[in-house]
PDB file of N, CA and C in Angstrom:
ATOM      1  N   MET A   1      12.188  58.998  18.699  1.00  0.00           N
ATOM      2  CA  MET A   1      11.659  59.048  20.043  1.00  0.00           C
ATOM      3  C   MET A   1      10.889  57.776  20.379  1.00  0.00           C
ATOM      4  N   ARG A   2      10.155  57.276  19.450  1.00  0.00           N
ATOM      5  CA  ARG A   2       9.342  56.074  19.668  1.00  0.00           C
ATOM      6  C   ARG A   2      10.237  54.868  19.980  1.00  0.00           C
ATOM      7  N   GLN A   3      11.346  54.733  19.277  1.00  0.00           N
ATOM      8  CA  GLN A   3      12.255  53.604  19.514  1.00  0.00           C
ATOM      9  C   GLN A   3      12.843  53.678  20.926  1.00  0.00           C
ATOM     10  N   HIS A   4      13.142  54.863  21.357  1.00  0.00           N
ATOM     11  CA  HIS A   4      13.700  55.058  22.698  1.00  0.00           C
ATOM     12  C   HIS A   4      12.699  54.598  23.760  1.00  0.00           C
ATOM     13  N   GLU A   5      11.437  54.967  23.580  1.00  0.00           N
ATOM     14  CA  GLU A   5      10.397  54.559  24.516  1.00  0.00           C
ATOM     15  C   GLU A   5      10.205  53.042  24.506  1.00  0.00           C
ATOM     16  N   LEU A   6      10.244  52.437  23.322  1.00  0.00           N
ATOM     17  CA  LEU A   6      10.105  50.994  23.199  1.00  0.00           C
ATOM     18  C   LEU A   6      11.278  50.279  23.874  1.00  0.00           C
ATOM     19  N   ARG A   7      12.479  50.816  23.710  1.00  0.00           N
ATOM     20  CA  ARG A   7      13.662  50.218  24.332  1.00  0.00           C
ATOM     21  C   ARG A   7      13.548  50.291  25.859  1.00  0.00           C
ATOM     22  N   GLU A   8      13.113  51.437  26.381  1.00  0.00           N
ATOM     23  CA  GLU A   8      12.946  51.583  27.827  1.00  0.00           C
ATOM     24  C   GLU A   8      11.877  50.615  28.354  1.00  0.00           C
ATOM     25  N   ALA A   9      10.796  50.487  27.614  1.00  0.00           N
ATOM     26  CA  ALA A   9       9.730  49.564  28.018  1.00  0.00           C
ATOM     27  C   ALA A   9      10.240  48.124  28.005  1.00  0.00           C
ATOM     28  N   ALA A  10      11.032  47.777  26.992  1.00  0.00           N
ATOM     29  CA  ALA A  10      11.601  46.435  26.893  1.00  0.00           C
ATOM     30  C   ALA A  10      12.558  46.176  28.051  1.00  0.00           C
ATOM     31  N   GLU A  11      13.357  47.151  28.399  1.00  0.00           N
ATOM     32  CA  GLU A  11      14.292  47.000  29.519  1.00  0.00           C
ATOM     33  C   GLU A  11      13.535  46.827  30.840  1.00  0.00           C
ATOM     34  N   LEU A  12      12.470  47.599  31.005  1.00  0.00           N
ATOM     35  CA  LEU A  12      11.651  47.478  32.206  1.00  0.00           C
ATOM     36  C   LEU A  12      11.003  46.094  32.288  1.00  0.00           C
ATOM     37  N   LEU A  13      10.459  45.629  31.167  1.00  0.00           N
ATOM     38  CA  LEU A  13       9.870  44.296  31.135  1.00  0.00           C
ATOM     39  C   LEU A  13      10.917  43.224  31.426  1.00  0.00           C
ATOM     40  N   ASN A  14      12.140  43.414  30.914  1.00  0.00           N
ATOM     41  CA  ASN A  14      13.215  42.459  31.153  1.00  0.00           C
ATOM     42  C   ASN A  14      13.559  42.405  32.646  1.00  0.00           C
ATOM     43  N   VAL A  15      13.633  43.556  33.297  1.00  0.00           N
ATOM     44  CA  VAL A  15      13.918  43.605  34.740  1.00  0.00           C
ATOM     45  C   VAL A  15      12.806  42.900  35.514  1.00  0.00           C
ATOM     46  N   GLN A  16      11.567  43.175  35.132  1.00  0.00           N
ATOM     47  CA  GLN A  16      10.432  42.538  35.806  1.00  0.00           C
ATOM     48  C   GLN A  16      10.440  41.024  35.587  1.00  0.00           C
ATOM     49  N   LEU A  17      10.784  40.609  34.368  1.00  0.00           N
ATOM     50  CA  LEU A  17      10.858  39.184  34.059  1.00  0.00           C
ATOM     51  C   LEU A  17      11.948  38.504  34.885  1.00  0.00           C
ATOM     52  N   GLN A  18      13.104  39.128  34.995  1.00  0.00           N
ATOM     53  CA  GLN A  18      14.198  38.565  35.786  1.00  0.00           C
ATOM     54  C   GLN A  18      13.791  38.449  37.260  1.00  0.00           C
ATOM     55  N   ALA A  19      13.086  39.447  37.764  1.00  0.00           N
ATOM     56  CA  ALA A  19      12.615  39.401  39.152  1.00  0.00           C
ATOM     57  C   ALA A  19      11.611  38.262  39.334  1.00  0.00           C
ATOM     58  N   ALA A  20      10.725  38.091  38.364  1.00  0.00           N
ATOM     59  CA  ALA A  20       9.733  37.015  38.444  1.00  0.00           C
ATOM     60  C   ALA A  20      10.411  35.649  38.383  1.00  0.00           C
ATOM     61  N   ILE A  21      11.422  35.497  37.533  1.00  0.00           N
ATOM     62  CA  ILE A  21      12.166  34.233  37.434  1.00  0.00           C
ATOM     63  C   ILE A  21      12.877  33.945  38.748  1.00  0.00           C
ATOM     64  N   SER A  22      13.496  34.960  39.319  1.00  0.00           N
ATOM     65  CA  SER A  22      14.193  34.794  40.592  1.00  0.00           C
ATOM     66  C   SER A  22      13.220  34.366  41.685  1.00  0.00           C
ATOM     67  N   LEU A  23      12.077  35.009  41.727  1.00  0.00           N
ATOM     68  CA  LEU A  23      11.055  34.664  42.718  1.00  0.00           C
ATOM     69  C   LEU A  23      10.559  33.235  42.512  1.00  0.00           C
ATOM     70  N   ALA A  24      10.363  32.826  41.266  1.00  0.00           N
ATOM     71  CA  ALA A  24       9.902  31.467  40.970  1.00  0.00           C
ATOM     72  C   ALA A  24      10.944  30.434  41.405  1.00  0.00           C
ATOM     73  N   LYS A  25      12.222  30.740  41.188  1.00  0.00           N
ATOM     74  CA  LYS A  25      13.286  29.820  41.601  1.00  0.00           C
ATOM     75  C   LYS A  25      13.324  29.678  43.114  1.00  0.00           C
ATOM     76  N   LYS A  26      13.145  30.786  43.833  1.00  0.00           N
ATOM     77  CA  LYS A  26      13.119  30.723  45.294  1.00  0.00           C
ATOM     78  C   LYS A  26      11.926  29.914  45.774  1.00  0.00           C
ATOM     79  N   ALA A  27      10.783  30.103  45.159  1.00  0.00           N
ATOM     80  CA  ALA A  27       9.586  29.351  45.536  1.00  0.00           C
ATOM     81  C   ALA A  27       9.776  27.861  45.256  1.00  0.00           C
ATOM     82  N   GLU A  28      10.404  27.553  44.133  1.00  0.00           N
ATOM     83  CA  GLU A  28      10.661  26.150  43.796  1.00  0.00           C
ATOM     84  C   GLU A  28      11.606  25.514  44.816  1.00  0.00           C
ATOM     85  N   ALA A  29      12.652  26.234  45.197  1.00  0.00           N
ATOM     86  CA  ALA A  29      13.598  25.714  46.196  1.00  0.00           C
ATOM     87  C   ALA A  29      12.904  25.491  47.535  1.00  0.00           C
ATOM     88  N   ALA A  30      12.038  26.414  47.923  1.00  0.00           N
ATOM     89  CA  ALA A  30      11.294  26.262  49.173  1.00  0.00           C
ATOM     90  C   ALA A  30      10.362  25.056  49.107  1.00  0.00           C
ATOM     91  N   LEU A  31       9.719  24.853  47.966  1.00  0.00           N
ATOM     92  CA  LEU A  31       8.816  23.718  47.794  1.00  0.00           C
ATOM     93  C   LEU A  31       9.586  22.403  47.859  1.00  0.00           C
ATOM     94  N   VAL A  32      10.744  22.346  47.220  1.00  0.00           N
ATOM     95  CA  VAL A  32      11.570  21.137  47.261  1.00  0.00           C
ATOM     96  C   VAL A  32      11.989  20.844  48.704  1.00  0.00           C
ATOM     97  N   GLY A  33      12.407  21.881  49.421  1.00  0.00           N
ATOM     98  CA  GLY A  33      12.783  21.701  50.826  1.00  0.00           C
ATOM     99  C   GLY A  33      11.616  21.213  51.662  1.00  0.00           C
ATOM    100  N   SER A  34      10.450  21.765  51.419  1.00  0.00           N
ATOM    101  CA  SER A  34       9.247  21.359  52.143  1.00  0.00           C
ATOM    102  C   SER A  34       8.899  19.906  51.851  1.00  0.00           C
ATOM    103  N   GLU A  35       9.018  19.495  50.602  1.00  0.00           N
ATOM    104  CA  GLU A  35       8.739  18.107  50.226  1.00  0.00           C
ATOM    105  C   GLU A  35       9.734  17.150  50.873  1.00  0.00           C
ATOM    106  N   LYS A  36      10.993  17.570  50.963  1.00  0.00           N
ATOM    107  CA  LYS A  36      12.007  16.724  51.608  1.00  0.00           C
ATOM    108  C   LYS A  36      11.668  16.532  53.085  1.00  0.00           C
ATOM    109  N   LEU A  37      11.265  17.613  53.752  1.00  0.00           N
ATOM    110  CA  LEU A  37      10.886  17.508  55.162  1.00  0.00           C
ATOM    111  C   LEU A  37       9.658  16.633  55.342  1.00  0.00           C
ATOM    112  N   ALA A  38       8.683  16.786  54.451  1.00  0.00           N
ATOM    113  CA  ALA A  38       7.468  15.965  54.542  1.00  0.00           C
ATOM    114  C   ALA A  38       7.813  14.494  54.343  1.00  0.00           C
ATOM    115  N   SER A  39       8.690  14.215  53.405  1.00  0.00           N
ATOM    116  CA  SER A  39       9.108  12.838  53.149  1.00  0.00           C
ATOM    117  C   SER A  39       9.834  12.260  54.360  1.00  0.00           C
ATOM    118  N   ALA A  40      10.713  13.037  54.965  1.00  0.00           N
ATOM    119  CA  ALA A  40      11.428  12.584  56.167  1.00  0.00           C
ATOM    120  C   ALA A  40      10.440  12.336  57.303  1.00  0.00           C
ATOM    121  N   GLY A  41       9.429  13.173  57.417  1.00  0.00           N
ATOM    122  CA  GLY A  41       8.408  12.989  58.446  1.00  0.00           C
ATOM    123  C   GLY A  41       7.617  11.704  58.238  1.00  0.00           C
ATOM    124  N   ARG A  42       7.252  11.428  56.985  1.00  0.00           N
ATOM    125  CA  ARG A  42       6.525  10.187  56.695  1.00  0.00           C
ATOM    126  C   ARG A  42       7.394   8.969  57.003  1.00  0.00           C
ATOM    127  N   MET A  43       8.677   9.045  56.651  1.00  0.00           N
ATOM    128  CA  MET A  43       9.581   7.931  56.918  1.00  0.00           C
ATOM    129  C   MET A  43       9.739   7.719  58.428  1.00  0.00           C
ATOM    130  N   ALA A  44       9.846   8.791  59.180  1.00  0.00           N
ATOM    131  CA  ALA A  44       9.960   8.679  60.639  1.00  0.00           C
ATOM    132  C   ALA A  44       8.704   8.054  61.231  1.00  0.00           C
ATOM    133  N   ALA A  45       7.548   8.415  60.710  1.00  0.00           N
ATOM    134  CA  ALA A  45       6.291   7.846  61.202  1.00  0.00           C
ATOM    135  C   ALA A  45       6.228   6.348  60.932  1.00  0.00           C
ATOM    136  N   VAL A  46       6.660   5.935  59.747  1.00  0.00           N
ATOM    137  CA  VAL A  46       6.661   4.508  59.405  1.00  0.00           C
ATOM    138  C   VAL A  46       7.626   3.746  60.311  1.00  0.00           C
ATOM    139  N   LEU A  47       8.815   4.301  60.508  1.00  0.00           N
ATOM    140  CA  LEU A  47       9.797   3.640  61.369  1.00  0.00           C
ATOM    141  C   LEU A  47       9.281   3.522  62.802  1.00  0.00           C
ATOM    142  N   THR A  48       8.683   4.578  63.301  1.00  0.00           N
ATOM    143  CA  THR A  48       8.123   4.551  64.652  1.00  0.00           C
ATOM    144  C   THR A  48       7.043   3.486  64.764  1.00  0.00           C
ATOM    145  N   HIS A  49       6.192   3.410  63.756  1.00  0.00           N
ATOM    146  CA  HIS A  49       5.123   2.413  63.753  1.00  0.00           C
ATOM    147  C   HIS A  49       5.710   0.996  63.786  1.00  0.00           C
ATOM    148  N   GLU A  50       6.716   0.748  62.961  1.00  0.00           N
ATOM    149  CA  GLU A  50       7.321  -0.581  62.911  1.00  0.00           C
ATOM    150  C   GLU A  50       8.024  -0.933  64.219  1.00  0.00           C
ATOM    151  N   ILE A  51       8.694   0.022  64.824  1.00  0.00           N
ATOM    152  CA  ILE A  51       9.352  -0.216  66.115  1.00  0.00           C
ATOM    153  C   ILE A  51       8.307  -0.508  67.184  1.00  0.00           C
ATOM    154  N   ASN A  52       7.217   0.253  67.171  1.00  0.00           N
ATOM    155  CA  ASN A  52       6.153   0.022  68.150  1.00  0.00           C
ATOM    156  C   ASN A  52       5.509  -1.350  67.968  1.00  0.00           C
ATOM    157  N   ASN A  53       5.388  -1.810  66.721  1.00  0.00           N
ATOM    158  CA  ASN A  53       4.836  -3.148  66.487  1.00  0.00           C
ATOM    159  C   ASN A  53       5.709  -4.212  67.143  1.00  0.00           C
ATOM    160  N   ALA A  54       7.020  -4.118  66.946  1.00  0.00           N
ATOM    161  CA  ALA A  54       7.934  -5.091  67.541  1.00  0.00           C
ATOM    162  C   ALA A  54       7.900  -4.996  69.066  1.00  0.00           C
ATOM    163  N   PHE A  55       7.879  -3.800  69.583  1.00  0.00           N
ATOM    164  CA  PHE A  55       7.830  -3.590  71.032  1.00  0.00           C
ATOM    165  C   PHE A  55       6.558  -4.194  71.623  1.00  0.00           C
ATOM    166  N   ALA A  56       5.439  -3.972  70.961  1.00  0.00           N
ATOM    167  CA  ALA A  56       4.162  -4.513  71.440  1.00  0.00           C
ATOM    168  C   ALA A  56       4.195  -6.039  71.418  1.00  0.00           C
ATOM    169  N   ALA A  57       4.796  -6.634  70.403  1.00  0.00           N
ATOM    170  CA  ALA A  57       4.888  -8.093  70.330  1.00  0.00           C
ATOM    171  C   ALA A  57       5.720  -8.625  71.492  1.00  0.00           C
ATOM    172  N   VAL A  58       6.834  -7.993  71.786  1.00  0.00           N
ATOM    173  CA  VAL A  58       7.675  -8.423  72.910  1.00  0.00           C
ATOM    174  C   VAL A  58       6.915  -8.281  74.223  1.00  0.00           C
ATOM    175  N   MET A  59       6.240  -7.167  74.399  1.00  0.00           N
ATOM    176  CA  MET A  59       5.482  -6.951  75.639  1.00  0.00           C
ATOM    177  C   MET A  59       4.377  -8.012  75.788  1.00  0.00           C
ATOM    178  N   ASN A  60       3.708  -8.345  74.697  1.00  0.00           N
ATOM    179  CA  ASN A  60       2.670  -9.376  74.747  1.00  0.00           C
ATOM    180  C   ASN A  60       3.263 -10.733  75.103  1.00  0.00           C
ATOM    181  N   LEU A  61       4.411 -11.061  74.524  1.00  0.00           N
ATOM    182  CA  LEU A  61       5.061 -12.336  74.856  1.00  0.00           C
ATOM    183  C   LEU A  61       5.487 -12.376  76.316  1.00  0.00           C
ATOM    184  N   LEU A  62       5.998 -11.273  76.822  1.00  0.00           N
ATOM    185  CA  LEU A  62       6.370 -11.225  78.238  1.00  0.00           C
ATOM    186  C   LEU A  62       5.148 -11.397  79.142  1.00  0.00           C
ATOM    187  N   PHE A  63       4.057 -10.756  78.767  1.00  0.00           N
ATOM    188  CA  PHE A  63       2.824 -10.907  79.539  1.00  0.00           C
ATOM    189  C   PHE A  63       2.359 -12.363  79.525  1.00  0.00           C
ATOM    190  N   LEU A  64       2.394 -12.981  78.344  1.00  0.00           N
ATOM    191  CA  LEU A  64       1.978 -14.383  78.249  1.00  0.00           C
ATOM    192  C   LEU A  64       2.895 -15.289  79.069  1.00  0.00           C
ATOM    193  N   ALA A  65       4.197 -15.034  79.030  1.00  0.00           N
ATOM    194  CA  ALA A  65       5.137 -15.838  79.811  1.00  0.00           C
ATOM    195  C   ALA A  65       4.865 -15.672  81.300  1.00  0.00           C
ATOM    196  N   GLN A  66       4.618 -14.449  81.726  1.00  0.00           N
ATOM    197  CA  GLN A  66       4.320 -14.201  83.145  1.00  0.00           C
ATOM    198  C   GLN A  66       3.020 -14.894  83.536  1.00  0.00           C
ATOM    199  N   THR A  67       2.011 -14.773  82.711  1.00  0.00           N
ATOM    200  CA  THR A  67       0.719 -15.396  82.992  1.00  0.00           C
ATOM    201  C   THR A  67       0.856 -16.922  83.016  1.00  0.00           C
ATOM    202  N   ALA A  68       1.609 -17.471  82.071  1.00  0.00           N
ATOM    203  CA  ALA A  68       1.813 -18.926  82.038  1.00  0.00           C
ATOM    204  C   ALA A  68       2.558 -19.384  83.289  1.00  0.00           C
ATOM    205  N   GLY A  69       3.545 -18.608  83.716  1.00  0.00           N
ATOM    206  CA  GLY A  69       4.281 -18.943  84.934  1.00  0.00           C
ATOM    207  C   GLY A  69       3.383 -18.936  86.154  1.00  0.00           C
ATOM    208  N   GLU A  70       2.527 -17.921  86.253  1.00  0.00           N
ATOM    209  CA  GLU A  70       1.597 -17.839  87.380  1.00  0.00           C
ATOM    210  C   GLU A  70       0.606 -18.997  87.345  1.00  0.00           C
ATOM    211  N   LEU A  71       0.126 -19.332  86.153  1.00  0.00           N
ATOM    212  CA  LEU A  71      -0.811 -20.437  86.000  1.00  0.00           C
ATOM    213  C   LEU A  71      -0.142 -21.754  86.393  1.00  0.00           C
ATOM    214  N   LEU A  72       1.106 -21.943  85.988  1.00  0.00           N
ATOM    215  CA  LEU A  72       1.838 -23.164  86.338  1.00  0.00           C
ATOM    216  C   LEU A  72       2.032 -23.265  87.855  1.00  0.00           C
ATOM    217  N   ARG A  73       2.418 -22.152  88.492  1.00  0.00           N
ATOM    218  CA  ARG A  73       2.593 -22.167  89.946  1.00  0.00           C
ATOM    219  C   ARG A  73       1.275 -22.479  90.659  1.00  0.00           C
ATOM    220  N   SER A  74       0.195 -21.903  90.191  1.00  0.00           N
ATOM    221  CA  SER A  74      -1.118 -22.176  90.789  1.00  0.00           C
ATOM    222  C   SER A  74      -1.493 -23.640  90.603  1.00  0.00           C
ATOM    223  N   SER A  75      -1.238 -24.161  89.421  1.00  0.00           N
ATOM    224  CA  SER A  75      -1.570 -25.562  89.143  1.00  0.00           C
ATOM    225  C   SER A  75      -0.758 -26.492  90.028  1.00  0.00           C
ATOM    226  N   VAL A  76       0.516 -26.208  90.212  1.00  0.00           N
ATOM    227  CA  VAL A  76       1.373 -27.028  91.066  1.00  0.00           C
ATOM    228  C   VAL A  76       0.884 -26.951  92.498  1.00  0.00           C
ATOM    229  N   SER A  77       0.519 -25.769  92.956  1.00  0.00           N
ATOM    230  CA  SER A  77       0.019 -25.595  94.322  1.00  0.00           C
ATOM    231  C   SER A  77      -1.263 -26.394  94.534  1.00  0.00           C
ATOM    232  N   ILE A  78      -2.172 -26.305  93.573  1.00  0.00           N
ATOM    233  CA  ILE A  78      -3.430 -27.056  93.672  1.00  0.00           C
ATOM    234  C   ILE A  78      -3.138 -28.555  93.648  1.00  0.00           C
ATOM    235  N   TRP A  79      -2.269 -28.982  92.801  1.00  0.00           N
ATOM    236  CA  TRP A  79      -1.910 -30.404  92.696  1.00  0.00           C
ATOM    237  C   TRP A  79      -1.335 -30.917  94.009  1.00  0.00           C
ATOM    238  N   ARG A  80      -0.472 -30.118  94.610  1.00  0.00           N
ATOM    239  CA  ARG A  80       0.140 -30.519  95.885  1.00  0.00           C
ATOM    240  C   ARG A  80      -0.913 -30.633  96.991  1.00  0.00           C
ATOM    241  N   ARG A  81      -1.846 -29.691  96.996  1.00  0.00           N
ATOM    242  CA  ARG A  81      -2.906 -29.748  98.013  1.00  0.00           C
ATOM    243  C   ARG A  81      -3.791 -30.972  97.805  1.00  0.00           C
ATOM    244  N   LEU A  82      -4.072 -31.284  96.547  1.00  0.00           N
ATOM    245  CA  LEU A  82      -4.934 -32.416  96.248  1.00  0.00           C
ATOM    246  C   LEU A  82      -4.255 -33.753  96.519  1.00  0.00           C
ATOM    247  N   THR A  83      -2.973 -33.810  96.235  1.00  0.00           N
ATOM    248  CA  THR A  83      -2.256 -35.091  96.412  1.00  0.00           C
ATOM    249  C   THR A  83      -1.581 -35.202  97.757  1.00  0.00           C
ATOM    250  N   GLY A  84      -1.539 -34.098  98.486  1.00  0.00           N
ATOM    251  CA  GLY A  84      -0.928 -34.117  99.807  1.00  0.00           C
ATOM    252  C   GLY A  84       0.597 -34.112  99.768  1.00  0.00           C
ATOM    253  N   SER A  85       1.198 -33.759  98.634  1.00  0.00           N
ATOM    254  CA  SER A  85       2.664 -33.726  98.586  1.00  0.00           C
ATOM    255  C   SER A  85       3.220 -32.363  98.865  1.00  0.00           C
TER     256      SER A  85
END
């Protein structure tokens, strides 16, 4: 009788162990998926930052070109008024 009880207890523990292993594997898969998404998010943030840096540089150059053009036109206008041409 004792062996029968021990066998049943062992079978129950085996079922519980298999369930725990299955649960651990699912949790591991979810964690891996979460890490992949986090990594993709970090990469997207870096790419966005780098694109914005280039965009800001172009916008600054355009502003400087516009300002230089306006300054040149003003200087020419003043020169013409001063020289009478």
